[in-house]
């Protein structure tokens, strides 16, 4: 059998945790079933871990950081390991994508793209590992002042189920690049690819304790990681409600945290926009990954001069979208769980705005899968619940506006502030409106950037704080030490 054939095989990890480069069961011996969103049936098991397992993983990470082989590696050596892992992920794209699709439900083509982005995280941060430099500050005569950027130590990472592999790379890679030892708690709803990437990390030579992975329930294992007094920093992506719990735990332990908590992101379409370019993006930005994306473009603001034309196009496109299994021709797969399906359907049924159009669920979609037909509502009152709350499903709100000032006011009038987009050919308007947006990232005549690994990402207000991606993430996973030498 060719290596390429082996790497394309679906490898389902055993119900074990990765602690100190050893695969071990939960100390309690408990496991839990993993259900596939495609058909609602169990296809694997994971360790149902608790505080004891988290303590063991943190101890392994602490030993690696304080005195293990990981602590002796130079930045360049860490970088080479990460680049080798990137290459190994690329060699296994097909097998990883199949695993992600089975576990998460996303269409196979989206899963393949996710694996390539995951590899890019390790490539980018592997290349950046030895390029984080300090500085010398001119000071008084007789003094030499150096500013060093150092790792926190042991970092905790709690990631969501919507992009399991990508979030592994996005959260863990910059922490490793800075020299931290890591403990990852992936979401219990989708963690198979995180475990598989852990296997690949061992294969390429990561030393014991650098990467530890503990599976289990968020309110048990996740809470135990957030509360652990021997971690030095924590990174969380998920809901605002859990974000409050994570931030409270970090505050009690006097450590820092980054929080990415979702959004209600607007796309503002002015009457001079290139509609041919905009229309497919407006649709894709809300149905990609089933709408289960923190930065999904869930509010489309249309200037009245083009309102009717764009609405006609969008409703026609939505009617043509059919949720289906995650095969080669799928554009909209199932949602992650029965709970999430019920949540989204409740928003649709109770929406306080007119329903413009719905797509469908294909008749051959597997029975028992978590499929929801996409929905588009409008015209929506900007303060309507459906236009204010994060649905996390394939649901789009259309809001009309008169002029630039009203568009800015509506776009900024939510509790969130993650991403925004502006569609206009007017260069001055591009600058004015982008500067007026209250959010962490603004796209002009586009939306999304193929993973955007190099681009600082994060939000304000209810969308969280701190920045992931780009060099900004390296700064989050490190602290500054100033050394003042009085040499006379």
Protein backbone atom coordinates (compact mmCIF):
# COMPACT_ATOMS: atom_id res chain seq x y z
CA UNK A 1 0.00 0.00 0.00
CA UNK A 2 1.33 3.47 -0.92
CA UNK A 3 2.03 6.01 1.83
CA UNK A 4 -0.59 8.27 0.25
CA UNK A 5 -3.17 5.48 0.60
CA UNK A 6 -2.28 4.98 4.27
CA UNK A 7 -2.49 8.71 4.98
CA UNK A 8 -5.93 8.90 3.36
CA UNK A 9 -7.37 6.21 5.65
CA UNK A 10 -9.92 7.15 8.28
CA UNK A 11 -8.13 6.66 11.60
CA UNK A 12 -10.43 6.88 14.63
CA UNK A 13 -8.47 7.54 17.83
CA UNK A 14 -9.06 5.41 20.91
CA UNK A 15 -10.79 6.86 24.01
CA UNK A 16 -7.52 7.97 25.57
CA UNK A 17 -5.91 11.19 26.74
CA UNK A 18 -2.47 12.36 25.66
CA UNK A 19 -0.45 13.13 28.78
CA UNK A 20 3.34 13.38 28.72
CA UNK A 21 3.44 11.63 25.30
CA UNK A 22 1.58 8.63 26.75
CA UNK A 23 -1.91 7.59 25.70
CA UNK A 24 -3.82 6.87 28.89
CA UNK A 25 -7.48 6.28 29.80
CA UNK A 26 -9.35 8.62 32.08
CA UNK A 27 -8.32 7.91 35.65
CA UNK A 28 -11.95 7.13 36.46
CA UNK A 29 -12.12 4.73 33.54
CA UNK A 30 -15.19 6.54 32.18
CA UNK A 31 -15.83 7.06 28.48
CA UNK A 32 -18.54 8.79 26.46
CA UNK A 33 -19.97 8.18 23.02
CA UNK A 34 -19.22 10.46 20.08
CA UNK A 35 -22.21 10.98 17.77
CA UNK A 36 -21.86 11.89 14.12
CA UNK A 37 -24.06 14.85 13.10
CA UNK A 38 -24.53 13.20 9.71
CA UNK A 39 -26.82 10.48 11.06
CA UNK A 40 -26.95 11.01 14.84
CA UNK A 41 -25.32 7.64 15.49
CA UNK A 42 -22.30 6.87 17.71
CA UNK A 43 -19.11 6.09 15.81
CA UNK A 44 -16.41 6.45 18.48
CA UNK A 45 -15.76 7.02 22.16
CA UNK A 46 -13.61 9.51 24.06
CA UNK A 47 -12.30 9.61 27.61
CA UNK A 48 -14.80 11.24 29.98
CA UNK A 49 -12.15 13.00 32.03
CA UNK A 50 -12.35 14.96 35.25
CA UNK A 51 -10.18 17.06 37.55
CA UNK A 52 -7.71 14.24 38.24
CA UNK A 53 -6.92 13.89 34.53
CA UNK A 54 -6.49 17.65 34.14
CA UNK A 55 -4.16 17.70 37.15
CA UNK A 56 -2.06 14.95 35.56
CA UNK A 57 -1.86 16.81 32.25
CA UNK A 58 -0.92 20.10 33.92
CA UNK A 59 1.76 18.29 35.94
CA UNK A 60 3.21 16.84 32.72
CA UNK A 61 3.20 20.26 31.09
CA UNK A 62 4.79 21.84 34.17
CA UNK A 63 7.57 19.25 34.17
CA UNK A 64 8.17 19.80 30.45
CA UNK A 65 8.38 23.56 30.88
CA UNK A 66 10.42 23.62 34.08
CA UNK A 67 13.01 20.92 33.45
CA UNK A 68 12.07 18.62 30.57
CA UNK A 69 13.49 18.29 27.09
CA UNK A 70 11.01 20.91 25.84
CA UNK A 71 12.62 23.52 28.12
CA UNK A 72 16.05 22.94 26.58
CA UNK A 73 15.06 23.48 22.94
CA UNK A 74 16.06 26.69 21.22
CA UNK A 75 13.45 28.76 19.45
CA UNK A 76 14.78 27.53 16.11
CA UNK A 77 14.48 23.90 17.23
CA UNK A 78 10.90 24.47 18.37
CA UNK A 79 10.18 26.01 15.00
CA UNK A 80 11.59 23.04 13.10
CA UNK A 81 9.39 20.65 15.08
CA UNK A 82 6.33 22.74 14.27
CA UNK A 83 7.15 22.84 10.58
CA UNK A 84 7.57 19.07 10.58
CA UNK A 85 4.13 18.77 12.14
CA UNK A 86 2.75 21.08 9.46
CA UNK A 87 4.18 18.82 6.78
CA UNK A 88 2.78 15.73 8.51
CA UNK A 89 -0.69 17.28 8.61
CA UNK A 90 -0.49 18.02 4.89
CA UNK A 91 0.50 14.40 4.23
CA UNK A 92 -2.66 13.34 6.10
CA UNK A 93 -5.14 15.89 4.75
CA UNK A 94 -7.57 13.33 3.33
CA UNK A 95 -7.69 11.09 6.38
CA UNK A 96 -8.00 14.06 8.72
CA UNK A 97 -10.72 15.60 6.56
CA UNK A 98 -12.73 12.38 6.60
CA UNK A 99 -12.41 12.26 10.38
CA UNK A 100 -13.46 15.90 10.73
CA UNK A 101 -16.49 15.38 8.51
CA UNK A 102 -17.61 12.31 10.43
CA UNK A 103 -17.12 14.07 13.76
CA UNK A 104 -18.30 17.59 12.96
CA UNK A 105 -20.60 17.13 9.95
CA UNK A 106 -19.08 19.81 7.74
CA UNK A 107 -18.89 19.15 3.98
CA UNK A 108 -15.78 17.23 2.99
CA UNK A 109 -14.42 20.05 0.82
CA UNK A 110 -14.63 22.45 3.76
CA UNK A 111 -12.93 19.87 5.96
CA UNK A 112 -10.05 19.52 3.48
CA UNK A 113 -9.64 23.29 3.45
CA UNK A 114 -9.61 23.31 7.26
CA UNK A 115 -6.76 20.80 7.37
CA UNK A 116 -4.67 22.94 5.05
CA UNK A 117 -5.29 25.99 7.24
CA UNK A 118 -4.36 23.94 10.31
CA UNK A 119 -1.07 23.02 8.66
CA UNK A 120 -0.51 26.68 7.81
CA UNK A 121 -0.80 27.64 11.49
CA UNK A 122 2.06 25.33 12.40
CA UNK A 123 4.06 26.46 9.37
CA UNK A 124 3.55 30.16 10.13
CA UNK A 125 4.31 29.92 13.84
CA UNK A 126 7.12 27.47 13.25
CA UNK A 127 8.74 30.07 11.03
CA UNK A 128 8.04 32.82 13.55
CA UNK A 129 9.38 31.01 16.62
CA UNK A 130 12.91 32.46 16.39
CA UNK A 131 11.82 35.88 15.16
CA UNK A 132 10.31 37.32 18.34
CA UNK A 133 12.99 39.74 19.43
CA UNK A 134 13.53 41.94 22.45
CA UNK A 135 14.83 45.49 22.52
CA UNK A 136 17.30 47.77 24.25
CA UNK A 137 16.00 51.00 25.77
CA UNK A 138 18.32 54.04 25.94
CA UNK A 139 18.42 55.10 29.59
CA UNK A 140 20.66 56.90 32.06
CA UNK A 141 24.42 56.85 31.80
CA UNK A 142 25.79 53.75 33.47
CA UNK A 143 22.72 51.65 32.77
CA UNK A 144 21.92 49.00 30.21
CA UNK A 145 18.19 48.21 29.86
CA UNK A 146 16.95 45.13 27.99
CA UNK A 147 13.36 44.12 27.30
CA UNK A 148 12.79 40.38 26.91
CA UNK A 149 9.63 38.61 25.77
CA UNK A 150 9.23 35.32 27.61
CA UNK A 151 6.68 32.47 27.64
CA UNK A 152 4.06 32.37 30.37
CA UNK A 153 4.89 28.76 31.26
CA UNK A 154 1.95 26.34 31.15
CA UNK A 155 -0.98 27.47 29.03
CA UNK A 156 -4.49 26.05 29.00
CA UNK A 157 -6.55 25.92 25.80
CA UNK A 158 -10.30 25.28 25.67
CA UNK A 159 -11.48 25.15 22.07
CA UNK A 160 -14.92 24.78 20.44
CA UNK A 161 -16.47 22.17 18.18
CA UNK A 162 -17.04 24.24 15.04
CA UNK A 163 -13.45 24.14 13.71
CA UNK A 164 -11.73 21.47 15.83
CA UNK A 165 -8.53 21.11 13.81
CA UNK A 166 -8.20 24.77 12.89
CA UNK A 167 -8.72 25.82 16.50
CA UNK A 168 -6.00 23.40 17.61
CA UNK A 169 -3.57 25.23 15.33
CA UNK A 170 -4.91 28.69 16.05
CA UNK A 171 -4.68 28.36 19.83
CA UNK A 172 -1.85 25.90 20.51
CA UNK A 173 0.65 26.74 17.74
CA UNK A 174 1.52 30.30 18.89
CA UNK A 175 1.79 29.11 22.49
CA UNK A 176 4.28 26.41 21.45
CA UNK A 177 6.22 28.85 19.29
CA UNK A 178 6.82 31.04 22.33
CA UNK A 179 8.02 28.03 24.35
CA UNK A 180 4.98 27.37 26.53
CA UNK A 181 3.95 23.83 27.42
CA UNK A 182 0.28 23.29 26.63
CA UNK A 183 -2.83 21.51 27.89
CA UNK A 184 -5.69 21.30 25.40
CA UNK A 185 -9.31 20.52 26.29
CA UNK A 186 -11.18 20.12 23.00
CA UNK A 187 -14.98 20.23 22.85
CA UNK A 188 -16.63 16.92 23.65
CA UNK A 189 -18.90 17.30 20.59
CA UNK A 190 -15.97 17.18 18.14
CA UNK A 191 -12.42 16.34 19.19
CA UNK A 192 -11.31 13.46 16.97
CA UNK A 193 -8.94 15.49 14.78
CA UNK A 194 -7.34 17.12 17.82
CA UNK A 195 -6.45 13.66 19.12
CA UNK A 196 -5.20 12.57 15.70
CA UNK A 197 -2.99 15.66 15.40
CA UNK A 198 -1.66 14.81 18.86
CA UNK A 199 -0.61 11.43 17.44
CA UNK A 200 1.14 13.15 14.55
CA UNK A 201 2.94 15.49 16.96
CA UNK A 202 4.46 12.52 18.77
CA UNK A 203 5.47 10.97 15.44
CA UNK A 204 7.45 14.06 14.40
CA UNK A 205 9.28 14.24 17.73
CA UNK A 206 7.58 16.67 20.10
CA UNK A 207 9.05 15.92 23.54
CA UNK A 208 6.91 14.69 26.45
CA UNK A 209 4.61 17.26 28.02
CA UNK A 210 4.82 19.92 25.32
CA UNK A 211 1.35 19.00 24.02
CA UNK A 212 -1.19 17.38 26.34
CA UNK A 213 -4.78 16.66 25.31
CA UNK A 214 -7.57 15.81 27.74
CA UNK A 215 -11.10 15.12 26.52
CA UNK A 216 -14.29 15.37 28.49
CA UNK A 217 -17.26 17.55 29.30
CA UNK A 218 -16.89 21.29 29.36
CA UNK A 219 -18.50 21.72 32.76
CA UNK A 220 -16.20 19.08 34.27
CA UNK A 221 -12.83 18.81 32.50
CA UNK A 222 -13.05 22.30 31.01
CA UNK A 223 -13.95 23.85 34.34
CA UNK A 224 -11.13 21.94 36.03
CA UNK A 225 -8.62 23.33 33.54
CA UNK A 226 -9.88 26.88 33.98
CA UNK A 227 -9.72 26.52 37.78
CA UNK A 228 -6.31 24.84 37.90
CA UNK A 229 -3.91 26.92 39.98
CA UNK A 230 -0.80 25.61 38.22
CA UNK A 231 -1.51 27.04 34.77
CA UNK A 232 -0.17 30.48 33.87
CA UNK A 233 -2.54 31.59 31.10
CA UNK A 234 -5.73 30.37 29.47
CA UNK A 235 -7.20 30.74 25.99
CA UNK A 236 -10.91 30.15 25.38
CA UNK A 237 -13.17 30.27 22.34
CA UNK A 238 -16.87 29.71 22.84
CA UNK A 239 -20.01 31.36 24.15
CA UNK A 240 -20.11 34.63 26.10
CA UNK A 241 -21.81 32.83 28.98
CA UNK A 242 -18.93 30.38 29.39
CA UNK A 243 -16.48 33.20 28.70
CA UNK A 244 -17.64 34.87 31.92
CA UNK A 245 -16.89 31.66 33.82
CA UNK A 246 -13.42 31.36 32.24
CA UNK A 247 -12.55 34.99 32.92
CA UNK A 248 -13.74 34.71 36.52
CA UNK A 249 -11.58 31.63 37.07
CA UNK A 250 -8.56 33.39 35.53
CA UNK A 251 -9.13 36.41 37.76
CA UNK A 252 -9.26 34.23 40.87
CA UNK A 253 -5.91 32.72 39.91
CA UNK A 254 -4.43 36.10 38.88
CA UNK A 255 -3.57 34.93 35.38
CA UNK A 256 -4.30 36.37 31.95
CA UNK A 257 -6.68 35.03 29.33
CA UNK A 258 -7.81 35.56 25.77
CA UNK A 259 -11.49 35.21 24.96
CA UNK A 260 -13.10 34.90 21.53
CA UNK A 261 -16.84 34.77 22.13
CA UNK A 262 -18.66 35.14 18.82
CA UNK A 263 -20.43 37.95 17.03
CA UNK A 264 -23.35 39.32 15.08
CA UNK A 265 -21.30 40.59 12.20
CA UNK A 266 -22.70 43.05 9.62
CA UNK A 267 -22.03 43.27 5.91
CA UNK A 268 -22.91 46.77 4.66
CA UNK A 269 -23.79 46.90 0.96
CA UNK A 270 -23.93 50.40 -0.52
CA UNK A 271 -25.74 51.20 -3.76
CA UNK A 272 -22.46 51.52 -5.69
CA UNK A 273 -21.25 48.03 -4.69
CA UNK A 274 -20.12 45.43 -7.21
CA UNK A 275 -23.11 43.16 -6.69
CA UNK A 276 -21.79 40.42 -8.94
CA UNK A 277 -18.83 40.06 -6.60
CA UNK A 278 -20.83 40.61 -3.41
CA UNK A 279 -23.81 38.29 -3.80
CA UNK A 280 -22.07 34.89 -3.56
CA UNK A 281 -20.02 36.15 -0.62
CA UNK A 282 -23.10 37.40 1.23
CA UNK A 283 -24.59 33.91 0.98
CA UNK A 284 -21.45 31.92 1.72
CA UNK A 285 -20.58 34.02 4.77
CA UNK A 286 -23.67 32.75 6.56
CA UNK A 287 -23.96 29.15 5.33
CA UNK A 288 -20.31 28.13 5.52
CA UNK A 289 -19.88 25.51 8.22
CA UNK A 290 -23.66 25.54 8.67
CA UNK A 291 -23.51 29.13 9.94
CA UNK A 292 -21.61 27.79 12.95
CA UNK A 293 -18.84 30.35 12.65
CA UNK A 294 -18.10 33.11 15.16
CA UNK A 295 -17.40 35.58 12.35
CA UNK A 296 -20.39 34.58 10.19
CA UNK A 297 -21.86 37.54 8.29
CA UNK A 298 -25.34 37.16 9.77
CA UNK A 299 -26.64 40.70 9.15
CA UNK A 300 -26.76 42.15 5.64
CA UNK A 301 -27.43 45.89 5.59
CA UNK A 302 -28.72 47.07 2.19
CA UNK A 303 -28.96 50.64 0.98
CA UNK A 304 -32.53 51.30 -0.17
CA UNK A 305 -31.57 52.02 -3.77
CA UNK A 306 -30.53 48.39 -4.29
CA UNK A 307 -32.69 46.77 -1.62
CA UNK A 308 -35.30 45.13 -3.86
CA UNK A 309 -32.76 43.91 -6.40
CA UNK A 310 -30.45 42.33 -3.84
CA UNK A 311 -33.31 40.81 -1.84
CA UNK A 312 -34.63 39.14 -4.99
CA UNK A 313 -31.19 37.64 -5.69
CA UNK A 314 -30.57 36.53 -2.12
CA UNK A 315 -33.96 34.88 -1.67
CA UNK A 316 -33.57 33.03 -4.97
CA UNK A 317 -30.16 31.75 -3.90
CA UNK A 318 -31.42 30.68 -0.46
CA UNK A 319 -34.31 28.73 -2.00
CA UNK A 320 -31.75 26.75 -4.01
CA UNK A 321 -29.69 25.71 -0.97
CA UNK A 322 -30.39 22.23 0.36
CA UNK A 323 -28.85 20.85 3.53
CA UNK A 324 -27.43 17.40 2.92
CA UNK A 325 -24.87 14.93 4.10
CA UNK A 326 -21.24 15.97 3.85
CA UNK A 327 -20.36 14.48 0.46
CA UNK A 328 -18.38 16.00 -2.40
CA UNK A 329 -21.26 18.16 -3.69
CA UNK A 330 -22.45 19.40 -0.28
CA UNK A 331 -22.48 23.12 0.51
CA UNK A 332 -24.48 22.95 3.75
CA UNK A 333 -24.07 20.01 6.08
CA UNK A 334 -25.80 19.19 9.37
CA UNK A 335 -25.46 21.18 12.56
CA UNK A 336 -23.27 19.76 15.31
CA UNK A 337 -25.90 18.25 17.62
CA UNK A 338 -29.57 17.72 18.32
CA UNK A 339 -29.33 20.48 20.92
CA UNK A 340 -27.93 22.95 18.41
CA UNK A 341 -30.51 21.96 15.80
CA UNK A 342 -33.33 22.62 18.27
CA UNK A 343 -31.80 25.96 19.26
CA UNK A 344 -31.57 27.18 15.65
CA UNK A 345 -35.03 25.92 14.75
CA UNK A 346 -36.46 27.73 17.78
CA UNK A 347 -34.91 31.01 16.59
CA UNK A 348 -36.46 30.45 13.16
CA UNK A 349 -39.90 29.53 14.51
CA UNK A 350 -40.00 32.44 16.96
CA UNK A 351 -38.33 35.04 14.74
CA UNK A 352 -39.65 38.57 15.23
CA UNK A 353 -39.26 39.45 11.54
CA UNK A 354 -40.89 38.33 8.25
CA UNK A 355 -39.56 35.14 6.71
CA UNK A 356 -38.39 35.94 3.17
CA UNK A 357 -37.31 32.50 2.02
CA UNK A 358 -36.11 29.09 3.17
CA UNK A 359 -33.99 26.47 1.54
CA UNK A 360 -34.62 22.80 2.11
CA UNK A 361 -33.23 19.54 3.43
CA UNK A 362 -32.50 16.98 0.73
CA UNK A 363 -34.74 13.94 0.81
CA UNK A 364 -31.74 11.62 0.79
CA UNK A 365 -30.16 13.26 3.85
CA UNK A 366 -29.63 10.49 6.43
CA UNK A 367 -32.46 10.11 8.90
CA UNK A 368 -31.41 11.14 12.38
CA UNK A 369 -28.92 13.76 11.15
CA UNK A 370 -29.08 17.31 12.46
CA UNK A 371 -30.15 19.11 9.30
CA UNK A 372 -31.74 22.58 9.21
CA UNK A 373 -32.99 24.34 6.07
CA UNK A 374 -31.40 27.81 5.75
CA UNK A 375 -33.63 30.83 6.37
CA UNK A 376 -33.54 34.49 5.41
CA UNK A 377 -35.55 37.16 7.26
CA UNK A 378 -36.36 40.76 6.43
CA UNK A 379 -36.87 43.56 6.50
CA UNK A 380 -35.69 43.24 10.09
CA UNK A 381 -35.93 45.84 12.79
CA UNK A 382 -32.28 46.36 13.81
CA UNK A 383 -33.26 45.80 17.44
CA UNK A 384 -35.22 42.60 16.77
CA UNK A 385 -34.02 39.53 18.67
CA UNK A 386 -33.20 37.71 15.43
CA UNK A 387 -30.99 40.69 14.44
CA UNK A 388 -29.28 41.02 17.81
CA UNK A 389 -28.54 37.53 19.12
CA UNK A 390 -26.04 35.04 17.75
CA UNK A 391 -28.05 32.16 16.26
CA UNK A 392 -25.05 30.07 15.16
CA UNK A 393 -26.88 28.53 12.24
CA UNK A 394 -27.70 29.25 8.57
CA UNK A 395 -29.94 32.23 9.33
CA UNK A 396 -29.57 35.63 7.64
CA UNK A 397 -31.17 38.97 8.57
CA UNK A 398 -31.73 41.71 5.97
CA UNK A 399 -31.85 45.31 7.24
CA UNK A 400 -32.43 48.36 5.00
CA UNK A 401 -30.70 51.71 5.52
CA UNK A 402 -30.83 55.17 3.95
CA UNK A 403 -27.35 56.63 4.17
CA UNK A 404 -23.85 56.16 5.50
CA UNK A 405 -24.62 57.51 8.96
CA UNK A 406 -27.58 55.17 9.45
CA UNK A 407 -25.56 52.19 8.20
CA UNK A 408 -22.80 52.88 10.73
CA UNK A 409 -25.32 53.30 13.54
CA UNK A 410 -27.09 50.01 12.76
CA UNK A 411 -23.86 48.06 12.22
CA UNK A 412 -22.48 49.11 15.62
CA UNK A 413 -25.74 48.65 17.52
CA UNK A 414 -25.25 45.18 19.02
CA UNK A 415 -23.47 43.89 22.10
CA UNK A 416 -20.87 42.23 19.86
CA UNK A 417 -17.90 43.58 17.93
CA UNK A 418 -15.99 40.91 16.02
CA UNK A 419 -16.03 41.40 12.22
CA UNK A 420 -17.66 43.72 9.68
CA UNK A 421 -17.62 44.07 5.90
CA UNK A 422 -18.14 47.08 3.64
CA UNK A 423 -19.12 46.80 -0.01
CA UNK A 424 -18.56 50.02 -1.95
CA UNK A 425 -16.43 51.35 -4.80
CA UNK A 426 -16.07 54.75 -3.11
CA UNK A 427 -12.55 54.97 -1.67
CA UNK A 428 -13.38 57.74 0.76
CA UNK A 429 -16.39 55.84 2.07
CA UNK A 430 -14.26 52.73 2.50
CA UNK A 431 -11.96 54.65 4.82
CA UNK A 432 -14.68 56.51 6.73
CA UNK A 433 -16.86 53.50 7.39
CA UNK A 434 -14.07 51.05 8.20
CA UNK A 435 -12.71 53.47 10.80
CA UNK A 436 -16.19 53.92 12.26
CA UNK A 437 -16.79 50.19 12.79
CA UNK A 438 -16.66 49.04 16.41
CA UNK A 439 -15.05 45.65 15.93
CA UNK A 440 -11.74 43.83 15.67
CA UNK A 441 -11.56 43.16 11.93
CA UNK A 442 -13.03 44.88 8.85
CA UNK A 443 -13.14 43.57 5.28
CA UNK A 444 -13.59 45.92 2.32
CA UNK A 445 -15.19 44.37 -0.77
CA UNK A 446 -14.71 40.88 0.57
CA UNK A 447 -15.34 38.67 3.58
CA UNK A 448 -12.97 36.10 5.01
CA UNK A 449 -9.39 35.45 4.06
CA UNK A 450 -8.90 31.70 3.68
CA UNK A 451 -8.15 31.21 7.35
CA UNK A 452 -6.30 34.51 7.70
CA UNK A 453 -3.54 32.90 9.74
CA UNK A 454 -1.32 35.98 9.45
CA UNK A 455 -4.06 38.49 10.35
CA UNK A 456 -4.69 39.50 13.99
CA UNK A 457 -8.20 38.38 14.96
CA UNK A 458 -10.42 39.06 17.94
CA UNK A 459 -13.19 41.29 19.17
CA UNK A 460 -14.41 43.87 21.62
CA UNK A 461 -17.30 43.99 24.06
CA UNK A 462 -19.28 40.72 24.15
CA UNK A 463 -17.06 39.27 21.39
CA UNK A 464 -14.23 39.00 23.90
CA UNK A 465 -10.74 40.43 24.20
CA UNK A 466 -7.18 39.61 23.26
CA UNK A 467 -5.99 38.68 19.79
CA UNK A 468 -5.34 35.41 18.01
CA UNK A 469 -3.54 34.84 14.70
CA UNK A 470 -0.58 36.76 13.33
CA UNK A 471 2.26 38.02 15.51
CA UNK A 472 -0.33 39.41 17.93
CA UNK A 473 -0.95 35.87 19.20
CA UNK A 474 2.74 35.46 20.05
CA UNK A 475 2.45 38.55 22.22
CA UNK A 476 -0.63 37.14 23.97
CA UNK A 477 1.22 33.93 24.82
CA UNK A 478 4.18 35.74 26.34
CA UNK A 479 4.99 38.43 28.86
CA UNK A 480 7.57 41.19 28.99
CA UNK A 481 10.48 41.19 31.39
CA UNK A 482 12.58 44.35 31.74
CA UNK A 483 16.17 43.93 32.94
CA UNK A 484 17.93 47.05 34.25
CA UNK A 485 21.69 46.65 34.65
CA UNK A 486 23.50 49.32 36.63
CA UNK A 487 27.05 48.82 35.46
CA UNK A 488 28.41 52.07 36.79
